[in-house]
Amino acid sequence: MTLAPRPPSHTHWCALKLYLQLAHNELMELETFLRLWEVSRDELAFICDCSVTTVNHWFSQGEHRRFPSEKHQQKLALTHHIWTTIETEPEYLRVLRTMYHKKPRRITY
């Protein structure tokens, strides 16, 4: 059974605008993120959608040192927001999410 598409409600649009505002306006310094979360350099590269080499430059000293860009700081802030929010998520929402992410059944003919 397929459900017909439905138009997003005002609440949907407000939630999306809030999410996008957070994603574009919130920045988090690398040092702040690392004080809150224990992650590897590989994990930082995944979070920031960059290479491990780029992450390694953030930790280097001297002329080769780089700093996380605004895009990277936005991803750190968004990750922190998601991880903090998921910790306070009610159990019934976790159950619902797992129900919708189950593997599809195989159809045999």
N, C-alpha and C. Protein backbone atom coordinates (compact mmCIF):
# COMPACT_ATOMS: atom_id res chain seq x y z
N MET A 1 0.85 -1.18 0.00
CA MET A 1 0.00 0.00 0.00
C MET A 1 0.89 1.23 0.00
N THR A 2 0.67 2.12 -0.94
CA THR A 2 1.44 3.33 -1.06
C THR A 2 0.62 4.50 -0.56
N LEU A 3 1.24 5.35 0.23
CA LEU A 3 0.56 6.55 0.71
C LEU A 3 0.74 7.67 -0.30
N ALA A 4 -0.29 8.47 -0.46
CA ALA A 4 -0.22 9.62 -1.36
C ALA A 4 0.64 10.70 -0.73
N PRO A 5 1.38 11.45 -1.54
CA PRO A 5 2.17 12.54 -0.99
C PRO A 5 1.28 13.56 -0.32
N ARG A 6 1.80 14.20 0.68
CA ARG A 6 1.02 15.23 1.36
C ARG A 6 1.83 16.51 1.43
N PRO A 7 1.16 17.63 1.45
CA PRO A 7 1.91 18.90 1.53
C PRO A 7 2.46 19.10 2.94
N PRO A 8 3.65 19.68 3.04
CA PRO A 8 4.20 19.96 4.37
C PRO A 8 3.35 21.01 5.09
N SER A 9 3.17 20.81 6.37
CA SER A 9 2.38 21.75 7.16
C SER A 9 3.26 22.94 7.58
N HIS A 10 2.64 23.90 8.19
CA HIS A 10 3.37 25.06 8.73
C HIS A 10 4.42 24.60 9.74
N THR A 11 4.08 23.62 10.55
CA THR A 11 5.01 23.08 11.54
C THR A 11 6.22 22.45 10.86
N HIS A 12 5.99 21.74 9.76
CA HIS A 12 7.10 21.15 9.01
C HIS A 12 8.06 22.24 8.52
N TRP A 13 7.49 23.30 7.94
CA TRP A 13 8.32 24.38 7.41
C TRP A 13 9.08 25.09 8.53
N CYS A 14 8.44 25.29 9.66
CA CYS A 14 9.12 25.94 10.79
C CYS A 14 10.29 25.09 11.29
N ALA A 15 10.08 23.78 11.37
CA ALA A 15 11.14 22.89 11.83
C ALA A 15 12.31 22.90 10.85
N LEU A 16 12.00 22.89 9.55
CA LEU A 16 13.06 22.93 8.54
C LEU A 16 13.83 24.24 8.61
N LYS A 17 13.13 25.35 8.74
CA LYS A 17 13.79 26.65 8.83
C LYS A 17 14.70 26.72 10.06
N LEU A 18 14.24 26.18 11.18
CA LEU A 18 15.05 26.17 12.40
C LEU A 18 16.30 25.32 12.20
N TYR A 19 16.14 24.16 11.60
CA TYR A 19 17.27 23.27 11.32
C TYR A 19 18.28 23.96 10.41
N LEU A 20 17.80 24.56 9.32
CA LEU A 20 18.70 25.22 8.38
C LEU A 20 19.38 26.43 9.00
N GLN A 21 18.64 27.15 9.84
CA GLN A 21 19.24 28.29 10.54
C GLN A 21 20.36 27.81 11.45
N LEU A 22 20.12 26.74 12.17
CA LEU A 22 21.15 26.18 13.04
C LEU A 22 22.35 25.75 12.21
N ALA A 23 22.09 25.08 11.11
CA ALA A 23 23.17 24.57 10.28
C ALA A 23 24.02 25.69 9.69
N HIS A 24 23.42 26.84 9.43
CA HIS A 24 24.17 27.91 8.77
C HIS A 24 24.65 28.99 9.72
N ASN A 25 24.02 29.14 10.87
CA ASN A 25 24.39 30.24 11.76
C ASN A 25 25.24 29.82 12.94
N GLU A 26 25.17 28.58 13.32
CA GLU A 26 25.90 28.13 14.49
C GLU A 26 27.28 27.62 14.08
N LEU A 27 28.28 28.08 14.78
CA LEU A 27 29.64 27.62 14.56
C LEU A 27 30.18 27.09 15.87
N MET A 28 31.02 26.08 15.81
CA MET A 28 31.66 25.56 17.01
C MET A 28 33.14 25.40 16.73
N GLU A 29 33.93 25.95 17.62
CA GLU A 29 35.38 25.82 17.50
C GLU A 29 35.77 24.37 17.73
N LEU A 30 36.81 23.94 17.05
CA LEU A 30 37.30 22.57 17.19
C LEU A 30 37.65 22.25 18.64
N GLU A 31 38.32 23.17 19.32
CA GLU A 31 38.71 22.93 20.70
C GLU A 31 37.50 22.74 21.61
N THR A 32 36.45 23.51 21.37
CA THR A 32 35.22 23.38 22.15
C THR A 32 34.59 22.00 21.91
N PHE A 33 34.50 21.60 20.65
CA PHE A 33 33.93 20.30 20.31
C PHE A 33 34.72 19.18 20.99
N LEU A 34 36.04 19.28 20.95
CA LEU A 34 36.88 18.22 21.52
C LEU A 34 36.84 18.19 23.05
N ARG A 35 36.48 19.30 23.67
CA ARG A 35 36.29 19.28 25.13
C ARG A 35 35.01 18.52 25.51
N LEU A 36 34.07 18.46 24.57
CA LEU A 36 32.78 17.83 24.83
C LEU A 36 32.69 16.39 24.34
N TRP A 37 33.41 16.08 23.26
CA TRP A 37 33.28 14.77 22.62
C TRP A 37 34.66 14.18 22.35
N GLU A 38 34.81 12.92 22.69
CA GLU A 38 36.06 12.21 22.44
C GLU A 38 35.93 11.47 21.12
N VAL A 39 36.54 12.02 20.08
CA VAL A 39 36.47 11.44 18.75
C VAL A 39 37.87 11.36 18.17
N SER A 40 38.05 10.43 17.25
CA SER A 40 39.34 10.28 16.58
C SER A 40 39.44 11.26 15.41
N ARG A 41 40.62 11.34 14.84
CA ARG A 41 40.80 12.19 13.67
C ARG A 41 40.01 11.64 12.47
N ASP A 42 39.94 10.33 12.36
CA ASP A 42 39.12 9.73 11.30
C ASP A 42 37.66 10.12 11.47
N GLU A 43 37.18 10.10 12.71
CA GLU A 43 35.79 10.47 12.97
C GLU A 43 35.56 11.96 12.70
N LEU A 44 36.52 12.80 13.05
CA LEU A 44 36.40 14.23 12.74
C LEU A 44 36.31 14.45 11.24
N ALA A 45 37.11 13.70 10.48
CA ALA A 45 37.07 13.82 9.02
C ALA A 45 35.69 13.43 8.50
N PHE A 46 35.09 12.39 9.06
CA PHE A 46 33.75 11.97 8.65
C PHE A 46 32.73 13.05 8.99
N ILE A 47 32.78 13.56 10.22
CA ILE A 47 31.84 14.58 10.67
C ILE A 47 31.93 15.82 9.79
N CYS A 48 33.15 16.24 9.48
CA CYS A 48 33.36 17.49 8.74
C CYS A 48 33.40 17.30 7.24
N ASP A 49 33.23 16.06 6.79
CA ASP A 49 33.22 15.75 5.36
C ASP A 49 34.48 16.28 4.67
N CYS A 50 35.61 15.88 5.25
CA CYS A 50 36.90 16.27 4.69
C CYS A 50 37.87 15.10 4.85
N SER A 51 39.07 15.28 4.38
CA SER A 51 40.06 14.21 4.47
C SER A 51 40.74 14.21 5.84
N VAL A 52 41.31 13.07 6.17
CA VAL A 52 42.08 12.96 7.41
C VAL A 52 43.30 13.88 7.33
N THR A 53 43.84 14.05 6.14
CA THR A 53 44.98 14.95 5.94
C THR A 53 44.60 16.38 6.36
N THR A 54 43.41 16.82 5.97
CA THR A 54 42.95 18.15 6.37
C THR A 54 42.85 18.24 7.88
N VAL A 55 42.28 17.22 8.50
CA VAL A 55 42.16 17.21 9.96
C VAL A 55 43.54 17.23 10.60
N ASN A 56 44.47 16.47 10.07
CA ASN A 56 45.83 16.46 10.62
C ASN A 56 46.47 17.85 10.55
N HIS A 57 46.17 18.62 9.51
CA HIS A 57 46.69 19.99 9.41
C HIS A 57 46.14 20.88 10.52
N TRP A 58 44.94 20.59 11.02
CA TRP A 58 44.37 21.37 12.11
C TRP A 58 45.18 21.20 13.39
N PHE A 59 45.84 20.06 13.52
CA PHE A 59 46.59 19.75 14.74
C PHE A 59 48.09 20.02 14.59
N SER A 60 48.53 20.33 13.37
CA SER A 60 49.96 20.54 13.16
C SER A 60 50.36 21.92 13.67
N GLN A 61 51.64 22.12 13.81
CA GLN A 61 52.19 23.40 14.24
C GLN A 61 53.03 23.97 13.10
N GLY A 62 53.21 25.26 13.09
CA GLY A 62 54.07 25.87 12.09
C GLY A 62 53.34 26.29 10.83
N GLU A 63 54.08 26.36 9.74
CA GLU A 63 53.55 26.93 8.50
C GLU A 63 52.49 26.07 7.83
N HIS A 64 52.43 24.79 8.14
CA HIS A 64 51.45 23.90 7.49
C HIS A 64 50.13 23.82 8.26
N ARG A 65 50.07 24.52 9.36
CA ARG A 65 48.84 24.47 10.16
C ARG A 65 47.70 25.17 9.43
N ARG A 66 46.55 24.54 9.47
CA ARG A 66 45.30 25.11 8.95
C ARG A 66 44.30 25.16 10.08
N PHE A 67 43.25 25.87 9.84
CA PHE A 67 42.17 25.96 10.82
C PHE A 67 40.87 25.51 10.16
N PRO A 68 39.97 24.92 10.93
CA PRO A 68 38.69 24.49 10.35
C PRO A 68 37.96 25.68 9.71
N SER A 69 37.41 25.45 8.54
CA SER A 69 36.66 26.50 7.84
C SER A 69 35.31 26.70 8.52
N GLU A 70 34.60 27.71 8.08
CA GLU A 70 33.26 27.96 8.60
C GLU A 70 32.36 26.75 8.35
N LYS A 71 32.50 26.13 7.18
CA LYS A 71 31.70 24.93 6.85
C LYS A 71 31.99 23.82 7.86
N HIS A 72 33.26 23.62 8.19
CA HIS A 72 33.62 22.59 9.16
C HIS A 72 33.06 22.92 10.55
N GLN A 73 33.13 24.18 10.94
CA GLN A 73 32.62 24.60 12.24
C GLN A 73 31.10 24.44 12.31
N GLN A 74 30.42 24.64 11.18
CA GLN A 74 28.97 24.43 11.13
C GLN A 74 28.65 22.95 11.35
N LYS A 75 29.43 22.09 10.73
CA LYS A 75 29.19 20.65 10.88
C LYS A 75 29.48 20.19 12.31
N LEU A 76 30.49 20.76 12.94
CA LEU A 76 30.76 20.44 14.35
C LEU A 76 29.59 20.87 15.23
N ALA A 77 29.07 22.07 14.99
CA ALA A 77 27.93 22.57 15.78
C ALA A 77 26.70 21.70 15.56
N LEU A 78 26.44 21.33 14.32
CA LEU A 78 25.28 20.50 14.02
C LEU A 78 25.42 19.11 14.65
N THR A 79 26.61 18.54 14.57
CA THR A 79 26.85 17.23 15.20
C THR A 79 26.62 17.31 16.70
N HIS A 80 27.15 18.35 17.32
CA HIS A 80 26.95 18.53 18.76
C HIS A 80 25.46 18.64 19.09
N HIS A 81 24.73 19.41 18.28
CA HIS A 81 23.29 19.57 18.50
C HIS A 81 22.56 18.23 18.38
N ILE A 82 22.86 17.48 17.33
CA ILE A 82 22.19 16.19 17.12
C ILE A 82 22.53 15.23 18.25
N TRP A 83 23.80 15.13 18.60
CA TRP A 83 24.21 14.19 19.64
C TRP A 83 23.63 14.56 21.00
N THR A 84 23.54 15.85 21.28
CA THR A 84 22.97 16.28 22.56
C THR A 84 21.46 16.03 22.57
N THR A 85 20.80 16.29 21.45
CA THR A 85 19.35 16.10 21.36
C THR A 85 18.98 14.63 21.48
N ILE A 86 19.74 13.77 20.84
CA ILE A 86 19.42 12.34 20.84
C ILE A 86 19.50 11.75 22.25
N GLU A 87 20.33 12.35 23.09
CA GLU A 87 20.45 11.86 24.46
C GLU A 87 19.19 12.12 25.29
N THR A 88 18.42 13.13 24.92
CA THR A 88 17.21 13.46 25.67
C THR A 88 15.95 13.05 24.93
N GLU A 89 16.11 12.32 23.83
CA GLU A 89 14.97 11.88 23.03
C GLU A 89 14.15 10.87 23.81
N PRO A 90 12.83 11.02 23.82
CA PRO A 90 11.98 10.04 24.50
C PRO A 90 12.11 8.65 23.87
N GLU A 91 11.97 7.63 24.67
CA GLU A 91 12.11 6.25 24.22
C GLU A 91 11.15 5.91 23.09
N TYR A 92 9.92 6.41 23.14
CA TYR A 92 8.95 6.06 22.10
C TYR A 92 9.40 6.56 20.73
N LEU A 93 10.13 7.69 20.67
CA LEU A 93 10.63 8.17 19.37
C LEU A 93 11.74 7.27 18.84
N ARG A 94 12.58 6.77 19.74
CA ARG A 94 13.62 5.82 19.32
C ARG A 94 12.99 4.56 18.74
N VAL A 95 11.95 4.08 19.39
CA VAL A 95 11.26 2.87 18.92
C VAL A 95 10.65 3.13 17.54
N LEU A 96 10.00 4.26 17.38
CA LEU A 96 9.40 4.59 16.09
C LEU A 96 10.46 4.69 15.00
N ARG A 97 11.59 5.32 15.32
CA ARG A 97 12.65 5.46 14.32
C ARG A 97 13.18 4.10 13.89
N THR A 98 13.36 3.19 14.83
CA THR A 98 13.86 1.86 14.47
C THR A 98 12.83 1.10 13.65
N MET A 99 11.55 1.34 13.90
CA MET A 99 10.51 0.67 13.12
C MET A 99 10.58 1.11 11.65
N TYR A 100 10.85 2.37 11.42
CA TYR A 100 10.89 2.88 10.05
C TYR A 100 12.19 2.59 9.34
N HIS A 101 13.20 2.15 10.07
CA HIS A 101 14.49 1.85 9.45
C HIS A 101 14.78 0.35 9.37
N LYS A 102 13.75 -0.45 9.55
CA LYS A 102 13.94 -1.89 9.41
C LYS A 102 14.17 -2.23 7.95
N LYS A 103 14.86 -3.33 7.72
CA LYS A 103 15.12 -3.78 6.35
C LYS A 103 13.81 -4.16 5.68
N PRO A 104 13.67 -3.81 4.40
CA PRO A 104 12.44 -4.19 3.70
C PRO A 104 12.34 -5.70 3.53
N ARG A 105 11.12 -6.18 3.53
CA ARG A 105 10.90 -7.61 3.33
C ARG A 105 11.14 -7.99 1.89
N ARG A 106 11.64 -9.18 1.72
CA ARG A 106 11.82 -9.70 0.36
C ARG A 106 10.49 -10.18 -0.16
N ILE A 107 10.20 -9.80 -1.39
CA ILE A 107 8.95 -10.21 -2.02
C ILE A 107 9.29 -11.38 -2.95
N THR A 108 8.58 -12.46 -2.77
CA THR A 108 8.80 -13.61 -3.64
C THR A 108 7.58 -13.75 -4.55
N TYR A 109 7.83 -14.11 -5.76
CA TYR A 109 6.74 -14.29 -6.73
C TYR A 109 6.59 -15.73 -7.09
